[in-house]
N, C-alpha and C. Protein backbone atom coordinates (compact mmCIF):
# COMPACT_ATOMS: atom_id res chain seq x y z
N UNK A 1 43.05 168.65 35.39
CA UNK A 1 42.25 167.46 35.17
C UNK A 1 43.12 166.38 34.54
N UNK A 2 42.96 165.16 35.04
CA UNK A 2 43.68 164.01 34.50
C UNK A 2 42.68 162.99 34.00
N UNK A 3 42.99 162.37 32.85
CA UNK A 3 42.14 161.30 32.35
C UNK A 3 43.00 160.32 31.57
N UNK A 4 42.48 159.11 31.37
CA UNK A 4 43.21 158.11 30.62
C UNK A 4 42.31 157.48 29.56
N UNK A 5 42.75 156.35 29.01
CA UNK A 5 42.01 155.76 27.88
C UNK A 5 40.65 155.20 28.26
N UNK A 6 40.37 155.09 29.55
CA UNK A 6 39.03 154.66 29.96
C UNK A 6 38.04 155.83 29.93
N UNK A 7 38.57 157.05 29.82
CA UNK A 7 37.82 158.31 29.84
C UNK A 7 37.32 158.70 31.23
N UNK A 8 37.68 157.90 32.24
CA UNK A 8 37.46 158.38 33.61
C UNK A 8 38.46 159.49 33.90
N UNK A 9 38.01 160.49 34.68
CA UNK A 9 38.91 161.61 34.96
C UNK A 9 38.84 162.04 36.41
N UNK A 10 39.95 162.59 36.85
CA UNK A 10 40.05 163.20 38.18
C UNK A 10 40.17 164.70 37.99
N UNK A 11 39.33 165.45 38.69
CA UNK A 11 39.38 166.90 38.65
C UNK A 11 40.17 167.37 39.88
N UNK A 12 41.25 168.10 39.62
CA UNK A 12 42.17 168.49 40.68
C UNK A 12 42.20 170.01 40.79
N UNK A 13 41.99 170.52 42.00
CA UNK A 13 42.07 171.95 42.29
C UNK A 13 41.24 172.80 41.34
N UNK A 14 39.93 172.59 41.28
CA UNK A 14 39.11 173.39 40.36
C UNK A 14 39.05 174.85 40.82
N UNK A 15 39.68 175.71 40.06
CA UNK A 15 39.74 177.12 40.44
C UNK A 15 38.66 177.95 39.78
N UNK A 16 37.58 177.34 39.37
CA UNK A 16 36.51 178.06 38.65
C UNK A 16 35.99 179.22 39.51
N UNK A 17 36.27 180.43 39.07
CA UNK A 17 35.88 181.60 39.87
C UNK A 17 34.67 182.32 39.33
N UNK A 18 34.17 181.88 38.16
CA UNK A 18 33.01 182.53 37.59
C UNK A 18 32.30 181.55 36.65
N UNK A 19 31.13 181.98 36.17
CA UNK A 19 30.31 181.09 35.34
C UNK A 19 31.01 180.73 34.03
N UNK A 20 31.77 181.65 33.46
CA UNK A 20 32.46 181.38 32.21
C UNK A 20 33.47 180.25 32.39
N UNK A 21 34.21 180.25 33.47
CA UNK A 21 35.19 179.18 33.72
C UNK A 21 34.48 177.86 33.99
N UNK A 22 33.32 177.90 34.64
CA UNK A 22 32.54 176.68 34.84
C UNK A 22 32.09 176.11 33.49
N UNK A 23 31.66 176.98 32.57
CA UNK A 23 31.23 176.53 31.24
C UNK A 23 32.40 175.91 30.49
N UNK A 24 33.60 176.48 30.62
CA UNK A 24 34.77 175.95 29.94
C UNK A 24 35.08 174.53 30.44
N UNK A 25 34.96 174.33 31.75
CA UNK A 25 35.21 173.02 32.32
C UNK A 25 34.20 172.00 31.80
N UNK A 26 32.93 172.37 31.82
CA UNK A 26 31.88 171.47 31.32
C UNK A 26 32.12 171.14 29.87
N UNK A 27 32.46 172.14 29.06
CA UNK A 27 32.67 171.93 27.62
C UNK A 27 33.83 170.97 27.37
N UNK A 28 34.91 171.11 28.13
CA UNK A 28 36.05 170.23 27.93
C UNK A 28 35.66 168.79 28.26
N UNK A 29 34.94 168.61 29.34
CA UNK A 29 34.52 167.27 29.75
C UNK A 29 33.58 166.66 28.71
N UNK A 30 32.62 167.45 28.25
CA UNK A 30 31.65 166.92 27.28
C UNK A 30 32.30 166.67 25.93
N UNK A 31 33.16 167.57 25.47
CA UNK A 31 33.79 167.43 24.16
C UNK A 31 34.73 166.22 24.10
N UNK A 32 35.24 165.80 25.24
CA UNK A 32 36.14 164.66 25.28
C UNK A 32 35.48 163.40 25.84
N UNK A 33 34.15 163.49 26.05
CA UNK A 33 33.37 162.33 26.54
C UNK A 33 33.92 161.77 27.84
N UNK A 34 34.33 162.65 28.72
CA UNK A 34 34.95 162.21 29.97
C UNK A 34 33.91 161.93 31.03
N UNK A 35 34.29 161.10 31.98
CA UNK A 35 33.44 160.77 33.11
C UNK A 35 34.18 161.15 34.39
N UNK A 36 33.83 162.28 35.01
CA UNK A 36 34.49 162.65 36.27
C UNK A 36 34.16 161.68 37.39
N UNK A 37 35.19 161.19 38.06
CA UNK A 37 34.99 160.22 39.14
C UNK A 37 35.67 160.63 40.44
N UNK A 38 36.54 161.65 40.40
CA UNK A 38 37.25 162.07 41.60
C UNK A 38 37.39 163.59 41.63
N UNK A 39 37.30 164.14 42.85
CA UNK A 39 37.57 165.55 43.10
C UNK A 39 38.67 165.62 44.16
N UNK A 40 39.82 166.16 43.78
CA UNK A 40 41.00 166.17 44.64
C UNK A 40 41.51 167.60 44.80
N UNK A 41 42.00 167.92 45.99
CA UNK A 41 42.72 169.17 46.21
C UNK A 41 44.15 168.87 46.63
N UNK A 42 45.12 169.48 45.93
CA UNK A 42 46.50 169.36 46.39
C UNK A 42 46.70 170.12 47.70
N UNK A 43 45.95 171.19 47.86
CA UNK A 43 45.91 171.96 49.10
C UNK A 43 44.67 172.84 49.01
N UNK A 44 44.37 173.56 50.08
CA UNK A 44 43.05 174.21 50.14
C UNK A 44 43.08 175.72 50.20
N UNK A 45 44.10 176.35 49.62
CA UNK A 45 44.07 177.79 49.46
C UNK A 45 42.93 178.17 48.53
N UNK A 46 42.40 179.37 48.71
CA UNK A 46 41.13 179.75 48.08
C UNK A 46 41.14 179.62 46.57
N UNK A 47 42.28 179.92 45.91
CA UNK A 47 42.31 179.85 44.45
C UNK A 47 42.26 178.43 43.93
N UNK A 48 42.44 177.46 44.81
CA UNK A 48 42.39 176.05 44.40
C UNK A 48 41.07 175.36 44.77
N UNK A 49 40.23 176.05 45.52
CA UNK A 49 38.98 175.42 45.97
C UNK A 49 37.73 176.18 45.52
N UNK A 50 37.91 177.26 44.78
CA UNK A 50 36.76 178.08 44.39
C UNK A 50 35.70 177.26 43.66
N UNK A 51 36.11 176.25 42.90
CA UNK A 51 35.15 175.46 42.15
C UNK A 51 34.75 174.15 42.81
N UNK A 52 35.17 173.93 44.05
CA UNK A 52 34.85 172.65 44.69
C UNK A 52 33.35 172.38 44.74
N UNK A 53 32.58 173.38 45.17
CA UNK A 53 31.13 173.14 45.29
C UNK A 53 30.54 172.87 43.91
N UNK A 54 30.92 173.67 42.92
CA UNK A 54 30.37 173.48 41.58
C UNK A 54 30.66 172.09 41.03
N UNK A 55 31.90 171.64 41.15
CA UNK A 55 32.27 170.32 40.63
C UNK A 55 31.56 169.21 41.41
N UNK A 56 31.59 169.33 42.73
CA UNK A 56 30.96 168.29 43.55
C UNK A 56 29.46 168.19 43.26
N UNK A 57 28.82 169.32 43.11
CA UNK A 57 27.38 169.34 42.87
C UNK A 57 27.03 168.89 41.46
N UNK A 58 27.79 169.34 40.47
CA UNK A 58 27.49 169.03 39.07
C UNK A 58 27.70 167.56 38.76
N UNK A 59 28.79 167.00 39.30
CA UNK A 59 29.16 165.62 38.94
C UNK A 59 28.97 164.62 40.09
N UNK A 60 28.36 165.10 41.18
CA UNK A 60 28.06 164.24 42.33
C UNK A 60 29.31 163.52 42.85
N UNK A 61 30.35 164.31 43.08
CA UNK A 61 31.63 163.76 43.53
C UNK A 61 31.89 164.13 44.99
N UNK A 62 32.56 163.24 45.69
CA UNK A 62 33.04 163.53 47.04
C UNK A 62 34.42 164.17 46.95
N UNK A 63 34.74 164.98 47.95
CA UNK A 63 36.00 165.70 47.98
C UNK A 63 37.04 164.93 48.79
N UNK A 64 38.29 164.96 48.30
CA UNK A 64 39.41 164.33 49.00
C UNK A 64 40.53 165.35 49.18
N UNK A 65 40.97 165.55 50.44
CA UNK A 65 42.06 166.45 50.76
C UNK A 65 42.94 165.79 51.82
N UNK A 66 44.07 166.40 52.14
CA UNK A 66 44.84 165.93 53.28
C UNK A 66 44.26 166.55 54.55
N UNK A 67 44.20 165.78 55.61
CA UNK A 67 43.54 166.22 56.83
C UNK A 67 44.15 167.47 57.44
N UNK A 68 45.45 167.70 57.20
CA UNK A 68 46.10 168.88 57.77
C UNK A 68 45.62 170.18 57.14
N UNK A 69 44.97 170.09 55.98
CA UNK A 69 44.46 171.30 55.33
C UNK A 69 42.98 171.53 55.60
N UNK A 70 42.37 170.75 56.45
CA UNK A 70 40.96 170.95 56.76
C UNK A 70 40.68 172.35 57.35
N UNK A 71 41.52 172.85 58.26
CA UNK A 71 41.28 174.23 58.76
C UNK A 71 41.33 175.28 57.64
N UNK A 72 42.21 175.08 56.66
CA UNK A 72 42.29 176.01 55.55
C UNK A 72 41.03 175.94 54.70
N UNK A 73 40.55 174.73 54.43
CA UNK A 73 39.30 174.56 53.70
C UNK A 73 38.16 175.27 54.41
N UNK A 74 38.11 175.10 55.72
CA UNK A 74 36.99 175.67 56.49
C UNK A 74 37.08 177.17 56.64
N UNK A 75 38.25 177.74 56.35
CA UNK A 75 38.42 179.19 56.39
C UNK A 75 38.09 179.84 55.05
N UNK A 76 37.66 179.03 54.07
CA UNK A 76 37.45 179.54 52.73
C UNK A 76 36.50 180.71 52.64
N UNK A 77 35.39 180.65 53.33
CA UNK A 77 34.42 181.75 53.26
C UNK A 77 35.00 183.04 53.78
N UNK A 78 35.74 182.97 54.88
CA UNK A 78 36.37 184.15 55.46
C UNK A 78 37.39 184.75 54.50
N UNK A 79 38.21 183.90 53.92
CA UNK A 79 39.23 184.37 53.00
C UNK A 79 38.60 184.97 51.75
N UNK A 80 37.57 184.32 51.21
CA UNK A 80 36.91 184.84 50.02
C UNK A 80 36.29 186.20 50.30
N UNK A 81 35.69 186.37 51.47
CA UNK A 81 35.10 187.65 51.83
C UNK A 81 36.19 188.72 51.95
N UNK A 82 37.30 188.36 52.54
CA UNK A 82 38.40 189.31 52.74
C UNK A 82 38.95 189.83 51.42
N UNK A 83 39.03 188.92 50.41
CA UNK A 83 39.59 189.31 49.12
C UNK A 83 38.55 189.64 48.07
N UNK A 84 37.28 189.56 48.43
CA UNK A 84 36.22 189.93 47.51
C UNK A 84 35.90 188.92 46.43
N UNK A 85 36.15 187.62 46.72
CA UNK A 85 35.83 186.57 45.75
C UNK A 85 34.41 186.08 45.98
N UNK A 86 33.61 185.90 44.92
CA UNK A 86 32.34 185.18 45.09
C UNK A 86 32.68 183.72 45.37
N UNK A 87 32.05 183.14 46.37
CA UNK A 87 32.44 181.79 46.78
C UNK A 87 31.28 181.07 47.42
N UNK A 88 30.96 179.91 46.89
CA UNK A 88 30.02 179.01 47.55
C UNK A 88 30.85 178.02 48.35
N UNK A 89 30.61 177.91 49.66
CA UNK A 89 31.48 177.06 50.49
C UNK A 89 31.64 175.65 49.96
N UNK A 90 32.88 175.17 50.06
CA UNK A 90 33.20 173.82 49.61
C UNK A 90 32.50 172.78 50.46
N UNK A 91 32.14 171.65 49.88
CA UNK A 91 31.68 170.54 50.71
C UNK A 91 32.82 170.04 51.57
N UNK A 92 32.49 169.34 52.62
CA UNK A 92 33.49 168.74 53.48
C UNK A 92 34.04 167.48 52.79
N UNK A 93 35.28 167.14 53.09
CA UNK A 93 35.84 165.93 52.48
C UNK A 93 35.16 164.67 53.00
N UNK A 94 35.05 163.70 52.10
CA UNK A 94 34.53 162.40 52.50
C UNK A 94 35.64 161.46 52.89
N UNK A 95 36.85 161.79 52.45
CA UNK A 95 38.01 160.94 52.74
C UNK A 95 39.24 161.83 52.72
N UNK A 96 40.29 161.35 53.37
CA UNK A 96 41.53 162.12 53.44
C UNK A 96 42.63 161.42 52.64
N UNK A 97 43.37 162.24 51.91
CA UNK A 97 44.53 161.75 51.18
C UNK A 97 45.66 161.46 52.16
N UNK A 98 46.38 160.36 51.93
CA UNK A 98 47.48 160.01 52.81
C UNK A 98 48.65 159.50 51.97
N UNK A 99 49.86 159.83 52.40
CA UNK A 99 51.01 159.26 51.73
C UNK A 99 51.00 157.75 51.89
N UNK A 100 51.27 157.05 50.82
CA UNK A 100 51.23 155.60 50.82
C UNK A 100 49.88 155.01 50.50
N UNK A 101 48.88 155.85 50.34
CA UNK A 101 47.54 155.40 49.98
C UNK A 101 47.24 155.94 48.57
N UNK A 102 47.40 155.12 47.53
CA UNK A 102 47.29 155.63 46.16
C UNK A 102 45.88 156.06 45.80
N UNK A 103 45.81 156.93 44.82
CA UNK A 103 44.55 157.36 44.23
C UNK A 103 44.37 156.58 42.93
N UNK A 104 43.24 155.94 42.78
CA UNK A 104 43.00 155.08 41.62
C UNK A 104 41.78 155.55 40.84
N UNK A 105 41.91 155.61 39.51
CA UNK A 105 40.75 155.80 38.65
C UNK A 105 41.10 155.27 37.27
N UNK A 106 40.10 154.72 36.59
CA UNK A 106 40.36 154.12 35.30
C UNK A 106 41.51 153.14 35.37
N UNK A 107 42.50 153.32 34.48
CA UNK A 107 43.72 152.52 34.53
C UNK A 107 44.88 153.28 35.17
N UNK A 108 44.57 154.35 35.88
CA UNK A 108 45.59 155.23 36.44
C UNK A 108 45.79 155.00 37.92
N UNK A 109 47.04 155.02 38.33
CA UNK A 109 47.40 154.94 39.73
C UNK A 109 48.28 156.14 40.06
N UNK A 110 47.83 156.98 40.96
CA UNK A 110 48.60 158.14 41.40
C UNK A 110 49.13 157.88 42.80
N UNK A 111 50.44 158.03 42.97
CA UNK A 111 51.01 157.95 44.31
C UNK A 111 50.88 159.32 44.99
N UNK A 112 50.48 159.31 46.22
CA UNK A 112 50.33 160.54 47.00
C UNK A 112 51.58 160.72 47.87
N UNK A 113 52.19 161.91 47.77
CA UNK A 113 53.30 162.21 48.68
C UNK A 113 52.94 163.48 49.45
N UNK A 114 53.20 163.42 50.74
CA UNK A 114 52.91 164.53 51.65
C UNK A 114 54.05 165.52 51.56
N UNK A 115 53.74 166.76 51.14
CA UNK A 115 54.77 167.77 50.89
C UNK A 115 54.38 169.10 51.54
N UNK A 116 54.32 169.15 52.86
CA UNK A 116 53.92 170.39 53.55
C UNK A 116 54.97 171.49 53.39
N UNK A 117 54.55 172.69 53.71
CA UNK A 117 55.44 173.84 53.67
C UNK A 117 54.77 175.05 53.03
N UNK A 118 54.12 174.85 51.89
CA UNK A 118 53.30 175.91 51.32
C UNK A 118 52.02 176.04 52.13
N UNK A 119 51.47 174.90 52.48
CA UNK A 119 50.39 174.81 53.47
C UNK A 119 50.70 173.58 54.32
N UNK A 120 49.99 173.47 55.42
CA UNK A 120 50.28 172.35 56.34
C UNK A 120 49.91 171.00 55.73
N UNK A 121 48.97 170.99 54.78
CA UNK A 121 48.50 169.73 54.24
C UNK A 121 48.71 169.58 52.75
N UNK A 122 49.72 170.22 52.19
CA UNK A 122 49.97 170.10 50.75
C UNK A 122 50.41 168.68 50.39
N UNK A 123 49.89 168.21 49.26
CA UNK A 123 50.32 166.93 48.72
C UNK A 123 50.63 167.10 47.24
N UNK A 124 51.43 166.17 46.70
CA UNK A 124 51.67 166.08 45.26
C UNK A 124 51.21 164.70 44.80
N UNK A 125 50.83 164.61 43.54
CA UNK A 125 50.41 163.34 42.96
C UNK A 125 51.44 162.91 41.92
N UNK A 126 51.96 161.70 42.06
CA UNK A 126 52.98 161.18 41.19
C UNK A 126 52.40 160.08 40.30
N UNK A 127 52.64 160.19 38.99
CA UNK A 127 52.28 159.13 38.06
C UNK A 127 53.57 158.50 37.54
N UNK A 128 54.02 157.39 38.15
CA UNK A 128 55.31 156.79 37.74
C UNK A 128 55.33 156.34 36.30
N UNK A 129 54.21 155.86 35.77
CA UNK A 129 54.19 155.37 34.39
C UNK A 129 54.41 156.49 33.39
N UNK A 130 53.87 157.66 33.70
CA UNK A 130 54.04 158.81 32.81
C UNK A 130 55.18 159.73 33.24
N UNK A 131 55.84 159.38 34.33
CA UNK A 131 56.94 160.20 34.87
C UNK A 131 56.51 161.65 35.02
N UNK A 132 55.40 161.84 35.73
CA UNK A 132 54.85 163.18 35.89
C UNK A 132 54.43 163.43 37.34
N UNK A 133 54.39 164.70 37.68
CA UNK A 133 54.05 165.14 39.04
C UNK A 133 53.03 166.27 38.95
N UNK A 134 51.91 166.13 39.63
CA UNK A 134 50.99 167.24 39.84
C UNK A 134 51.42 167.86 41.17
N UNK A 135 52.04 169.04 41.09
CA UNK A 135 52.77 169.58 42.24
C UNK A 135 52.02 170.63 43.04
N UNK A 136 50.79 170.97 42.64
CA UNK A 136 50.11 172.03 43.38
C UNK A 136 50.99 173.27 43.41
N UNK A 137 51.12 173.87 44.58
CA UNK A 137 51.95 175.07 44.72
C UNK A 137 53.22 174.78 45.51
N UNK A 138 53.70 173.55 45.46
CA UNK A 138 54.93 173.19 46.16
C UNK A 138 56.15 173.66 45.37
N UNK A 139 56.22 173.28 44.10
CA UNK A 139 57.38 173.58 43.26
C UNK A 139 56.91 174.15 41.94
N UNK A 140 57.52 175.28 41.54
CA UNK A 140 57.21 175.92 40.27
C UNK A 140 58.43 175.90 39.35
N UNK A 141 58.22 176.31 38.12
CA UNK A 141 59.31 176.50 37.18
C UNK A 141 60.14 177.69 37.66
N UNK A 142 61.29 177.41 38.27
CA UNK A 142 62.16 178.47 38.75
C UNK A 142 61.73 179.11 40.05
N UNK A 143 60.80 178.51 40.76
CA UNK A 143 60.34 179.10 42.00
C UNK A 143 59.73 178.03 42.91
N UNK A 144 59.20 178.48 44.04
CA UNK A 144 58.52 177.59 44.99
C UNK A 144 57.28 178.29 45.49
N UNK A 145 56.43 177.55 46.18
CA UNK A 145 55.24 178.15 46.76
C UNK A 145 55.59 179.13 47.88
N UNK A 146 54.76 180.16 48.02
CA UNK A 146 54.98 181.13 49.09
C UNK A 146 54.79 180.47 50.44
N UNK A 147 55.46 180.99 51.44
CA UNK A 147 55.39 180.36 52.76
C UNK A 147 54.97 181.35 53.84
N UNK A 148 54.39 182.49 53.42
CA UNK A 148 54.00 183.52 54.39
C UNK A 148 52.52 183.49 54.72
N UNK A 149 51.82 182.47 54.28
CA UNK A 149 50.42 182.30 54.64
C UNK A 149 50.31 181.34 55.82
N UNK A 150 49.18 181.36 56.55
CA UNK A 150 49.04 180.45 57.69
C UNK A 150 49.30 179.00 57.30
N UNK A 151 50.14 178.33 58.09
CA UNK A 151 50.50 176.94 57.80
C UNK A 151 51.72 176.81 56.94
N UNK A 152 52.23 177.93 56.40
CA UNK A 152 53.42 177.90 55.56
C UNK A 152 54.69 178.00 56.39
N UNK A 153 55.75 177.38 55.88
CA UNK A 153 57.04 177.43 56.58
C UNK A 153 58.12 177.08 55.56
N UNK A 154 59.10 177.98 55.39
CA UNK A 154 60.11 177.78 54.35
C UNK A 154 60.95 176.53 54.60
N UNK A 155 61.41 176.33 55.82
CA UNK A 155 62.25 175.17 56.10
C UNK A 155 61.51 173.87 55.83
N UNK A 156 60.23 173.85 56.18
CA UNK A 156 59.40 172.65 55.93
C UNK A 156 59.24 172.41 54.44
N UNK A 157 58.99 173.50 53.70
CA UNK A 157 58.83 173.36 52.25
C UNK A 157 60.13 172.91 51.60
N UNK A 158 61.24 173.51 52.02
CA UNK A 158 62.54 173.12 51.47
C UNK A 158 62.80 171.63 51.72
N UNK A 159 62.47 171.16 52.90
CA UNK A 159 62.65 169.75 53.23
C UNK A 159 61.76 168.87 52.34
N UNK A 160 60.51 169.30 52.11
CA UNK A 160 59.61 168.53 51.25
C UNK A 160 60.17 168.41 49.83
N UNK A 161 60.69 169.50 49.33
CA UNK A 161 61.21 169.51 47.96
C UNK A 161 62.48 168.68 47.86
N UNK A 162 63.42 168.90 48.77
CA UNK A 162 64.69 168.19 48.69
C UNK A 162 64.55 166.70 48.96
N UNK A 163 63.72 166.33 49.92
CA UNK A 163 63.66 164.94 50.36
C UNK A 163 62.51 164.13 49.77
N UNK A 164 61.62 164.79 49.06
CA UNK A 164 60.53 164.08 48.39
C UNK A 164 60.62 164.26 46.87
N UNK A 165 60.52 165.49 46.39
CA UNK A 165 60.48 165.71 44.95
C UNK A 165 61.86 165.51 44.30
N UNK A 166 62.91 166.02 44.93
CA UNK A 166 64.24 165.90 44.33
C UNK A 166 64.80 164.49 44.41
N UNK A 167 64.13 163.59 45.09
CA UNK A 167 64.53 162.18 45.09
C UNK A 167 64.01 161.44 43.86
N UNK A 168 63.11 162.09 43.14
CA UNK A 168 62.56 161.48 41.91
C UNK A 168 63.56 161.64 40.77
N UNK A 169 63.47 160.80 39.74
CA UNK A 169 64.39 160.92 38.59
C UNK A 169 64.30 162.29 37.93
N UNK A 170 65.42 162.71 37.35
CA UNK A 170 65.52 164.04 36.77
C UNK A 170 64.52 164.29 35.65
N UNK A 171 64.11 163.23 34.94
CA UNK A 171 63.24 163.43 33.79
C UNK A 171 61.76 163.50 34.14
N UNK A 172 61.43 163.44 35.41
CA UNK A 172 60.02 163.58 35.81
C UNK A 172 59.55 165.01 35.51
N UNK A 173 58.43 165.11 34.81
CA UNK A 173 57.88 166.41 34.46
C UNK A 173 57.03 166.92 35.63
N UNK A 174 57.20 168.19 35.97
CA UNK A 174 56.47 168.82 37.06
C UNK A 174 55.41 169.74 36.48
N UNK A 175 54.14 169.48 36.82
CA UNK A 175 53.04 170.34 36.42
C UNK A 175 52.58 171.11 37.66
N UNK A 176 52.97 172.38 37.77
CA UNK A 176 52.60 173.15 38.96
C UNK A 176 51.19 173.71 38.86
N UNK A 177 50.74 174.24 39.97
CA UNK A 177 49.39 174.82 40.00
C UNK A 177 49.29 176.13 39.24
N UNK A 178 50.42 176.76 38.95
CA UNK A 178 50.45 178.01 38.20
C UNK A 178 51.69 178.02 37.32
N UNK A 179 51.57 178.55 36.13
CA UNK A 179 52.74 178.72 35.28
C UNK A 179 53.11 177.50 34.47
N UNK A 180 54.28 177.60 33.83
CA UNK A 180 54.74 176.56 32.90
C UNK A 180 55.25 175.32 33.62
N UNK A 181 55.21 174.20 32.92
CA UNK A 181 55.76 172.97 33.49
C UNK A 181 57.29 173.04 33.47
N UNK A 182 57.90 172.13 34.21
CA UNK A 182 59.35 172.05 34.30
C UNK A 182 59.72 170.60 34.51
N UNK A 183 60.94 170.33 34.93
CA UNK A 183 61.30 168.95 35.28
C UNK A 183 62.23 168.95 36.49
N UNK A 184 62.32 167.81 37.12
CA UNK A 184 63.08 167.72 38.37
C UNK A 184 64.54 168.06 38.17
N UNK A 185 65.14 167.55 37.09
CA UNK A 185 66.55 167.82 36.86
C UNK A 185 66.87 169.29 36.75
N UNK A 186 66.05 170.02 36.01
CA UNK A 186 66.26 171.47 35.87
C UNK A 186 66.16 172.17 37.20
N UNK A 187 65.13 171.83 37.99
CA UNK A 187 64.94 172.55 39.25
C UNK A 187 66.05 172.24 40.25
N UNK A 188 66.54 171.02 40.25
CA UNK A 188 67.64 170.67 41.15
C UNK A 188 68.87 171.52 40.88
N UNK A 189 69.09 171.85 39.61
CA UNK A 189 70.28 172.60 39.22
C UNK A 189 70.11 174.11 39.29
N UNK A 190 68.90 174.58 38.98
CA UNK A 190 68.76 176.02 38.75
C UNK A 190 67.75 176.74 39.64
N UNK A 191 66.93 176.00 40.39
CA UNK A 191 65.93 176.70 41.21
C UNK A 191 66.65 177.60 42.22
N UNK A 192 66.37 178.90 42.23
CA UNK A 192 67.12 179.81 43.10
C UNK A 192 66.77 179.69 44.58
N UNK A 193 65.69 179.02 44.89
CA UNK A 193 65.25 178.90 46.28
C UNK A 193 65.66 177.59 46.91
N UNK A 194 65.59 176.50 46.18
CA UNK A 194 65.95 175.18 46.71
C UNK A 194 66.72 174.42 45.64
N UNK A 195 68.01 174.28 45.83
CA UNK A 195 68.83 173.44 44.94
C UNK A 195 69.05 172.11 45.64
N UNK A 196 69.38 171.10 44.89
CA UNK A 196 69.55 169.75 45.44
C UNK A 196 70.67 169.72 46.46
N UNK A 197 70.33 169.29 47.68
CA UNK A 197 71.35 169.07 48.71
C UNK A 197 71.92 170.32 49.32
N UNK A 198 71.44 171.49 48.92
CA UNK A 198 71.99 172.72 49.46
C UNK A 198 71.08 173.30 50.55
N UNK A 199 71.66 173.93 51.51
CA UNK A 199 70.89 174.59 52.56
C UNK A 199 71.24 176.07 52.58
N UNK A 200 70.33 176.85 53.08
CA UNK A 200 70.54 178.30 53.10
C UNK A 200 70.38 178.82 54.52
């Protein structure tokens, strides 16, 4: 979740898998007097969309995803059944995220960059003023997103990281969908899967 001094907030990849996690989300929003205005998915794998229906219904928000991940979103019920997750199907997107089309809320402007490879429609959100990246499952601290799921491809992901994320300044902080944050400079030097300018 992102918010600024206006108290408007964007909810990104709500992974609420049970009632307790839904209560935690509501409590955080209420305790900080936030006003949810956007529901965004960096990509549509099941662990990132489990709470889409809950958030959309509770706060009357429309969903925004990249169009290339629409098949993944629509496969949610099948995937949840396969893995035994309780899941209320996500609403359909009202709009599609596109590179070059910023996301705006409050006083915040997020640049959208298209970073496929983990999924066909993965995107990252860049906040240049705060030098931060919401990276979804594209780039992790010392790792990268898996590429063995439908729509995944290692060469595509490597290209996204090298030619999109690694072009950003070294001090940009990366907030991944799982695990600890990192920064671009560290990953360029030490990431064992994708180093800056190197091919495998």
